[in-house]
């Protein structure tokens, strides 16, 4: 009988939490925004600049849209 460690169980709990999944989805959007804006600028704008720009311009709409969509456990 194989027993999992408490650290492993905690990691699995965090990775399966809704909060963590929302964090990952938001991070993915920020990275996508960073790529688009960097392409427009012709150089890497950096994560912090992309983060602040995305929060100001898109975060509230993105969150509203996500709350209206049915949640699924599958990625993508």
PDB file of N, CA and C in Angstrom:
ATOM      1  N   UNK A   1       0.838  -1.175   0.000  1.00  0.00           N
ATOM      2  CA  UNK A   1       0.000   0.000   0.000  1.00  0.00           C
ATOM      3  C   UNK A   1       0.890   1.247   0.000  1.00  0.00           C
ATOM      4  N   UNK A   2       0.705   2.088  -1.002  1.00  0.00           N
ATOM      5  CA  UNK A   2       1.509   3.287  -1.136  1.00  0.00           C
ATOM      6  C   UNK A   2       0.789   4.468  -0.492  1.00  0.00           C
ATOM      7  N   UNK A   3       1.523   5.166   0.360  1.00  0.00           N
ATOM      8  CA  UNK A   3       0.928   6.323   1.025  1.00  0.00           C
ATOM      9  C   UNK A   3       1.530   7.587   0.430  1.00  0.00           C
ATOM     10  N   UNK A   4       0.679   8.558   0.185  1.00  0.00           N
ATOM     11  CA  UNK A   4       1.184   9.823  -0.342  1.00  0.00           C
ATOM     12  C   UNK A   4       1.548  10.732   0.822  1.00  0.00           C
ATOM     13  N   UNK A   5       2.537  11.547   0.598  1.00  0.00           N
ATOM     14  CA  UNK A   5       2.998  12.446   1.647  1.00  0.00           C
ATOM     15  C   UNK A   5       2.025  13.602   1.818  1.00  0.00           C
ATOM     16  N   UNK A   6       1.999  14.211   3.013  1.00  0.00           N
ATOM     17  CA  UNK A   6       1.128  15.371   3.232  1.00  0.00           C
ATOM     18  C   UNK A   6       1.443  16.515   2.258  1.00  0.00           C
ATOM     19  N   UNK A   7       2.723  16.689   1.926  1.00  0.00           N
ATOM     20  CA  UNK A   7       3.097  17.758   0.994  1.00  0.00           C
ATOM     21  C   UNK A   7       2.480  17.506  -0.378  1.00  0.00           C
ATOM     22  N   UNK A   8       2.497  16.259  -0.821  1.00  0.00           N
ATOM     23  CA  UNK A   8       1.929  15.884  -2.110  1.00  0.00           C
ATOM     24  C   UNK A   8       0.418  16.107  -2.108  1.00  0.00           C
ATOM     25  N   UNK A   9      -0.246  15.729  -1.026  1.00  0.00           N
ATOM     26  CA  UNK A   9      -1.686  15.928  -0.911  1.00  0.00           C
ATOM     27  C   UNK A   9      -2.036  17.414  -0.933  1.00  0.00           C
ATOM     28  N   UNK A  10      -1.245  18.233  -0.256  1.00  0.00           N
ATOM     29  CA  UNK A  10      -1.475  19.676  -0.242  1.00  0.00           C
ATOM     30  C   UNK A  10      -1.292  20.249  -1.637  1.00  0.00           C
ATOM     31  N   UNK A  11      -0.251  19.819  -2.334  1.00  0.00           N
ATOM     32  CA  UNK A  11       0.000  20.289  -3.692  1.00  0.00           C
ATOM     33  C   UNK A  11      -1.160  19.921  -4.605  1.00  0.00           C
ATOM     34  N   UNK A  12      -1.658  18.702  -4.498  1.00  0.00           N
ATOM     35  CA  UNK A  12      -2.797  18.267  -5.314  1.00  0.00           C
ATOM     36  C   UNK A  12      -4.041  19.091  -4.980  1.00  0.00           C
ATOM     37  N   UNK A  13      -4.256  19.375  -3.716  1.00  0.00           N
ATOM     38  CA  UNK A  13      -5.409  20.161  -3.286  1.00  0.00           C
ATOM     39  C   UNK A  13      -5.350  21.560  -3.887  1.00  0.00           C
ATOM     40  N   UNK A  14      -4.172  22.165  -3.836  1.00  0.00           N
ATOM     41  CA  UNK A  14      -4.000  23.511  -4.391  1.00  0.00           C
ATOM     42  C   UNK A  14      -4.213  23.488  -5.895  1.00  0.00           C
ATOM     43  N   UNK A  15      -3.595  22.541  -6.591  1.00  0.00           N
ATOM     44  CA  UNK A  15      -3.700  22.477  -8.048  1.00  0.00           C
ATOM     45  C   UNK A  15      -5.128  22.230  -8.512  1.00  0.00           C
ATOM     46  N   UNK A  16      -5.930  21.598  -7.697  1.00  0.00           N
ATOM     47  CA  UNK A  16      -7.312  21.308  -8.064  1.00  0.00           C
ATOM     48  C   UNK A  16      -8.292  22.367  -7.571  1.00  0.00           C
ATOM     49  N   UNK A  17      -7.806  23.382  -6.865  1.00  0.00           N
ATOM     50  CA  UNK A  17      -8.707  24.399  -6.335  1.00  0.00           C
ATOM     51  C   UNK A  17      -9.170  25.351  -7.433  1.00  0.00           C
ATOM     52  N   UNK A  18     -10.366  25.854  -7.288  1.00  0.00           N
ATOM     53  CA  UNK A  18     -10.923  26.808  -8.239  1.00  0.00           C
ATOM     54  C   UNK A  18     -10.075  28.076  -8.261  1.00  0.00           C
ATOM     55  N   UNK A  19      -9.630  28.524  -7.112  1.00  0.00           N
ATOM     56  CA  UNK A  19      -8.817  29.735  -7.031  1.00  0.00           C
ATOM     57  C   UNK A  19      -7.529  29.591  -7.846  1.00  0.00           C
ATOM     58  N   UNK A  20      -6.861  28.464  -7.727  1.00  0.00           N
ATOM     59  CA  UNK A  20      -5.628  28.229  -8.473  1.00  0.00           C
ATOM     60  C   UNK A  20      -5.902  28.168  -9.969  1.00  0.00           C
ATOM     61  N   UNK A  21      -6.991  27.527 -10.360  1.00  0.00           N
ATOM     62  CA  UNK A  21      -7.347  27.449 -11.775  1.00  0.00           C
ATOM     63  C   UNK A  21      -7.658  28.832 -12.335  1.00  0.00           C
ATOM     64  N   UNK A  22      -8.311  29.672 -11.551  1.00  0.00           N
ATOM     65  CA  UNK A  22      -8.578  31.046 -11.984  1.00  0.00           C
ATOM     66  C   UNK A  22      -7.283  31.830 -12.126  1.00  0.00           C
ATOM     67  N   UNK A  23      -6.364  31.625 -11.195  1.00  0.00           N
ATOM     68  CA  UNK A  23      -5.056  32.273 -11.272  1.00  0.00           C
ATOM     69  C   UNK A  23      -4.339  31.885 -12.560  1.00  0.00           C
ATOM     70  N   UNK A  24      -4.336  30.595 -12.874  1.00  0.00           N
ATOM     71  CA  UNK A  24      -3.666  30.131 -14.089  1.00  0.00           C
ATOM     72  C   UNK A  24      -4.318  30.694 -15.351  1.00  0.00           C
ATOM     73  N   UNK A  25      -5.637  30.748 -15.365  1.00  0.00           N
ATOM     74  CA  UNK A  25      -6.344  31.293 -16.529  1.00  0.00           C
ATOM     75  C   UNK A  25      -6.025  32.774 -16.702  1.00  0.00           C
ATOM     76  N   UNK A  26      -6.003  33.517 -15.601  1.00  0.00           N
ATOM     77  CA  UNK A  26      -5.685  34.939 -15.659  1.00  0.00           C
ATOM     78  C   UNK A  26      -4.238  35.145 -16.108  1.00  0.00           C
ATOM     79  N   UNK A  27      -3.345  34.352 -15.591  1.00  0.00           N
ATOM     80  CA  UNK A  27      -1.935  34.450 -15.978  1.00  0.00           C
ATOM     81  C   UNK A  27      -1.763  34.185 -17.467  1.00  0.00           C
ATOM     82  N   UNK A  28      -2.491  33.206 -17.988  1.00  0.00           N
ATOM     83  CA  UNK A  28      -2.437  32.894 -19.411  1.00  0.00           C
ATOM     84  C   UNK A  28      -2.894  34.092 -20.253  1.00  0.00           C
ATOM     85  N   UNK A  29      -3.934  34.766 -19.816  1.00  0.00           N
ATOM     86  CA  UNK A  29      -4.419  35.954 -20.531  1.00  0.00           C
ATOM     87  C   UNK A  29      -3.390  37.081 -20.496  1.00  0.00           C
ATOM     88  N   UNK A  30      -2.755  37.249 -19.362  1.00  0.00           N
ATOM     89  CA  UNK A  30      -1.724  38.296 -19.235  1.00  0.00           C
ATOM     90  C   UNK A  30      -0.546  37.984 -20.151  1.00  0.00           C
ATOM     91  N   UNK A  31      -0.131  36.740 -20.190  1.00  0.00           N
ATOM     92  CA  UNK A  31       0.978  36.356 -21.070  1.00  0.00           C
ATOM     93  C   UNK A  31       0.604  36.529 -22.546  1.00  0.00           C
ATOM     94  N   UNK A  32      -0.650  36.238 -22.881  1.00  0.00           N
ATOM     95  CA  UNK A  32      -1.116  36.452 -24.249  1.00  0.00           C
ATOM     96  C   UNK A  32      -1.087  37.947 -24.570  1.00  0.00           C
ATOM     97  N   UNK A  33      -1.545  38.776 -23.637  1.00  0.00           N
ATOM     98  CA  UNK A  33      -1.524  40.229 -23.808  1.00  0.00           C
ATOM     99  C   UNK A  33      -0.088  40.733 -23.945  1.00  0.00           C
ATOM    100  N   UNK A  34       0.807  40.188 -23.143  1.00  0.00           N
ATOM    101  CA  UNK A  34       2.221  40.565 -23.209  1.00  0.00           C
ATOM    102  C   UNK A  34       2.791  40.269 -24.591  1.00  0.00           C
ATOM    103  N   UNK A  35       2.469  39.112 -25.135  1.00  0.00           N
ATOM    104  CA  UNK A  35       2.960  38.743 -26.452  1.00  0.00           C
ATOM    105  C   UNK A  35       2.418  39.698 -27.523  1.00  0.00           C
ATOM    106  N   UNK A  36       1.120  39.956 -27.496  1.00  0.00           N
ATOM    107  CA  UNK A  36       0.500  40.844 -28.489  1.00  0.00           C
ATOM    108  C   UNK A  36       1.097  42.248 -28.412  1.00  0.00           C
ATOM    109  N   UNK A  37       1.182  42.798 -27.215  1.00  0.00           N
ATOM    110  CA  UNK A  37       1.707  44.153 -27.061  1.00  0.00           C
ATOM    111  C   UNK A  37       3.202  44.228 -27.374  1.00  0.00           C
ATOM    112  N   UNK A  38       3.934  43.178 -27.078  1.00  0.00           N
ATOM    113  CA  UNK A  38       5.356  43.143 -27.425  1.00  0.00           C
ATOM    114  C   UNK A  38       5.544  43.116 -28.937  1.00  0.00           C
ATOM    115  N   UNK A  39       4.684  42.363 -29.623  1.00  0.00           N
ATOM    116  CA  UNK A  39       4.739  42.334 -31.090  1.00  0.00           C
ATOM    117  C   UNK A  39       4.449  43.726 -31.653  1.00  0.00           C
ATOM    118  N   UNK A  40       3.464  44.403 -31.106  1.00  0.00           N
ATOM    119  CA  UNK A  40       3.129  45.757 -31.565  1.00  0.00           C
ATOM    120  C   UNK A  40       4.288  46.721 -31.328  1.00  0.00           C
ATOM    121  N   UNK A  41       4.943  46.590 -30.180  1.00  0.00           N
ATOM    122  CA  UNK A  41       6.034  47.493 -29.811  1.00  0.00           C
ATOM    123  C   UNK A  41       7.346  47.140 -30.501  1.00  0.00           C
ATOM    124  N   UNK A  42       7.436  45.933 -31.020  1.00  0.00           N
ATOM    125  CA  UNK A  42       8.671  45.497 -31.650  1.00  0.00           C
ATOM    126  C   UNK A  42       9.744  45.102 -30.664  1.00  0.00           C
ATOM    127  N   UNK A  43       9.369  44.952 -29.416  1.00  0.00           N
ATOM    128  CA  UNK A  43      10.298  44.509 -28.366  1.00  0.00           C
ATOM    129  C   UNK A  43       9.492  43.978 -27.185  1.00  0.00           C
ATOM    130  N   UNK A  44      10.155  43.221 -26.326  1.00  0.00           N
ATOM    131  CA  UNK A  44       9.510  42.661 -25.144  1.00  0.00           C
ATOM    132  C   UNK A  44       9.146  43.790 -24.187  1.00  0.00           C
ATOM    133  N   UNK A  45       7.858  43.902 -23.847  1.00  0.00           N
ATOM    134  CA  UNK A  45       7.429  44.978 -22.946  1.00  0.00           C
ATOM    135  C   UNK A  45       7.570  44.588 -21.478  1.00  0.00           C
ATOM    136  N   UNK A  46       7.808  43.321 -21.198  1.00  0.00           N
ATOM    137  CA  UNK A  46       7.967  42.849 -19.831  1.00  0.00           C
ATOM    138  C   UNK A  46       6.647  42.472 -19.182  1.00  0.00           C
ATOM    139  N   UNK A  47       6.738  41.566 -18.225  1.00  0.00           N
ATOM    140  CA  UNK A  47       5.528  41.057 -17.576  1.00  0.00           C
ATOM    141  C   UNK A  47       4.813  42.126 -16.758  1.00  0.00           C
ATOM    142  N   UNK A  48       5.561  42.910 -16.004  1.00  0.00           N
ATOM    143  CA  UNK A  48       4.915  43.909 -15.140  1.00  0.00           C
ATOM    144  C   UNK A  48       4.116  44.925 -15.932  1.00  0.00           C
ATOM    145  N   UNK A  49       4.683  45.407 -17.015  1.00  0.00           N
ATOM    146  CA  UNK A  49       3.967  46.379 -17.842  1.00  0.00           C
ATOM    147  C   UNK A  49       2.717  45.738 -18.448  1.00  0.00           C
ATOM    148  N   UNK A  50       2.859  44.509 -18.941  1.00  0.00           N
ATOM    149  CA  UNK A  50       1.719  43.799 -19.516  1.00  0.00           C
ATOM    150  C   UNK A  50       0.649  43.551 -18.457  1.00  0.00           C
ATOM    151  N   UNK A  51       1.073  43.177 -17.268  1.00  0.00           N
ATOM    152  CA  UNK A  51       0.142  42.931 -16.165  1.00  0.00           C
ATOM    153  C   UNK A  51      -0.667  44.178 -15.851  1.00  0.00           C
ATOM    154  N   UNK A  52       0.006  45.285 -15.629  1.00  0.00           N
ATOM    155  CA  UNK A  52      -0.690  46.524 -15.284  1.00  0.00           C
ATOM    156  C   UNK A  52      -1.609  46.984 -16.412  1.00  0.00           C
ATOM    157  N   UNK A  53      -1.132  46.898 -17.646  1.00  0.00           N
ATOM    158  CA  UNK A  53      -1.938  47.302 -18.793  1.00  0.00           C
ATOM    159  C   UNK A  53      -3.176  46.422 -18.918  1.00  0.00           C
ATOM    160  N   UNK A  54      -3.008  45.110 -18.752  1.00  0.00           N
ATOM    161  CA  UNK A  54      -4.126  44.178 -18.865  1.00  0.00           C
ATOM    162  C   UNK A  54      -5.144  44.405 -17.752  1.00  0.00           C
ATOM    163  N   UNK A  55      -4.664  44.640 -16.536  1.00  0.00           N
ATOM    164  CA  UNK A  55      -5.576  44.884 -15.416  1.00  0.00           C
ATOM    165  C   UNK A  55      -6.430  46.122 -15.686  1.00  0.00           C
ATOM    166  N   UNK A  56      -5.785  47.194 -16.104  1.00  0.00           N
ATOM    167  CA  UNK A  56      -6.503  48.452 -16.352  1.00  0.00           C
ATOM    168  C   UNK A  56      -7.502  48.314 -17.506  1.00  0.00           C
ATOM    169  N   UNK A  57      -7.093  47.652 -18.577  1.00  0.00           N
ATOM    170  CA  UNK A  57      -7.910  47.620 -19.792  1.00  0.00           C
ATOM    171  C   UNK A  57      -8.901  46.460 -19.887  1.00  0.00           C
ATOM    172  N   UNK A  58      -8.537  45.296 -19.361  1.00  0.00           N
ATOM    173  CA  UNK A  58      -9.306  44.105 -19.691  1.00  0.00           C
ATOM    174  C   UNK A  58      -9.796  43.240 -18.526  1.00  0.00           C
ATOM    175  N   UNK A  59      -9.237  43.376 -17.353  1.00  0.00           N
ATOM    176  CA  UNK A  59      -9.526  42.424 -16.284  1.00  0.00           C
ATOM    177  C   UNK A  59     -11.002  42.360 -15.896  1.00  0.00           C
ATOM    178  N   UNK A  60     -11.634  43.490 -15.706  1.00  0.00           N
ATOM    179  CA  UNK A  60     -13.028  43.467 -15.251  1.00  0.00           C
ATOM    180  C   UNK A  60     -13.943  42.810 -16.282  1.00  0.00           C
ATOM    181  N   UNK A  61     -13.737  43.109 -17.556  1.00  0.00           N
ATOM    182  CA  UNK A  61     -14.545  42.485 -18.614  1.00  0.00           C
ATOM    183  C   UNK A  61     -14.263  40.994 -18.688  1.00  0.00           C
ATOM    184  N   UNK A  62     -12.975  40.635 -18.592  1.00  0.00           N
ATOM    185  CA  UNK A  62     -12.594  39.222 -18.637  1.00  0.00           C
ATOM    186  C   UNK A  62     -13.253  38.446 -17.504  1.00  0.00           C
ATOM    187  N   UNK A  63     -13.224  39.011 -16.308  1.00  0.00           N
ATOM    188  CA  UNK A  63     -13.839  38.333 -15.161  1.00  0.00           C
ATOM    189  C   UNK A  63     -15.350  38.215 -15.325  1.00  0.00           C
ATOM    190  N   UNK A  64     -15.980  39.273 -15.799  1.00  0.00           N
ATOM    191  CA  UNK A  64     -17.432  39.232 -16.027  1.00  0.00           C
ATOM    192  C   UNK A  64     -17.789  38.150 -17.034  1.00  0.00           C
ATOM    193  N   UNK A  65     -17.029  38.083 -18.116  1.00  0.00           N
ATOM    194  CA  UNK A  65     -17.272  37.065 -19.135  1.00  0.00           C
ATOM    195  C   UNK A  65     -17.091  35.666 -18.570  1.00  0.00           C
ATOM    196  N   UNK A  66     -16.097  35.480 -17.719  1.00  0.00           N
ATOM    197  CA  UNK A  66     -15.845  34.155 -17.128  1.00  0.00           C
ATOM    198  C   UNK A  66     -16.949  33.734 -16.181  1.00  0.00           C
ATOM    199  N   UNK A  67     -17.526  34.659 -15.457  1.00  0.00           N
ATOM    200  CA  UNK A  67     -18.591  34.287 -14.524  1.00  0.00           C
ATOM    201  C   UNK A  67     -19.881  33.928 -15.253  1.00  0.00           C
ATOM    202  N   UNK A  68     -20.038  34.423 -16.481  1.00  0.00           N
ATOM    203  CA  UNK A  68     -21.218  34.084 -17.277  1.00  0.00           C
ATOM    204  C   UNK A  68     -21.071  32.759 -17.994  1.00  0.00           C
ATOM    205  N   UNK A  69     -19.851  32.274 -18.171  1.00  0.00           N
ATOM    206  CA  UNK A  69     -19.607  31.018 -18.881  1.00  0.00           C
ATOM    207  C   UNK A  69     -19.694  29.852 -17.913  1.00  0.00           C
ATOM    208  N   UNK A  70     -20.264  28.739 -18.361  1.00  0.00           N
ATOM    209  CA  UNK A  70     -20.278  27.545 -17.492  1.00  0.00           C
ATOM    210  C   UNK A  70     -18.856  27.024 -17.321  1.00  0.00           C
ATOM    211  N   UNK A  71     -18.540  26.596 -16.123  1.00  0.00           N
ATOM    212  CA  UNK A  71     -17.197  26.075 -15.829  1.00  0.00           C
ATOM    213  C   UNK A  71     -17.122  24.611 -16.224  1.00  0.00           C
ATOM    214  N   UNK A  72     -15.927  24.232 -16.713  1.00  0.00           N
ATOM    215  CA  UNK A  72     -15.642  22.825 -16.989  1.00  0.00           C
ATOM    216  C   UNK A  72     -14.332  22.479 -16.327  1.00  0.00           C
ATOM    217  N   UNK A  73     -14.133  21.208 -16.060  1.00  0.00           N
ATOM    218  CA  UNK A  73     -12.890  20.757 -15.439  1.00  0.00           C
ATOM    219  C   UNK A  73     -11.797  20.540 -16.464  1.00  0.00           C
ATOM    220  N   UNK A  74     -12.171  20.506 -17.740  1.00  0.00           N
ATOM    221  CA  UNK A  74     -11.152  20.254 -18.761  1.00  0.00           C
ATOM    222  C   UNK A  74     -10.460  21.559 -19.146  1.00  0.00           C
ATOM    223  N   UNK A  75      -9.146  21.487 -19.418  1.00  0.00           N
ATOM    224  CA  UNK A  75      -8.418  22.695 -19.810  1.00  0.00           C
ATOM    225  C   UNK A  75      -8.816  23.167 -21.190  1.00  0.00           C
ATOM    226  N   UNK A  76      -8.626  24.500 -21.433  1.00  0.00           N
ATOM    227  CA  UNK A  76      -8.873  25.053 -22.757  1.00  0.00           C
ATOM    228  C   UNK A  76     -10.222  25.530 -22.877  1.00  0.00           C
TER     229      UNK A  76
END
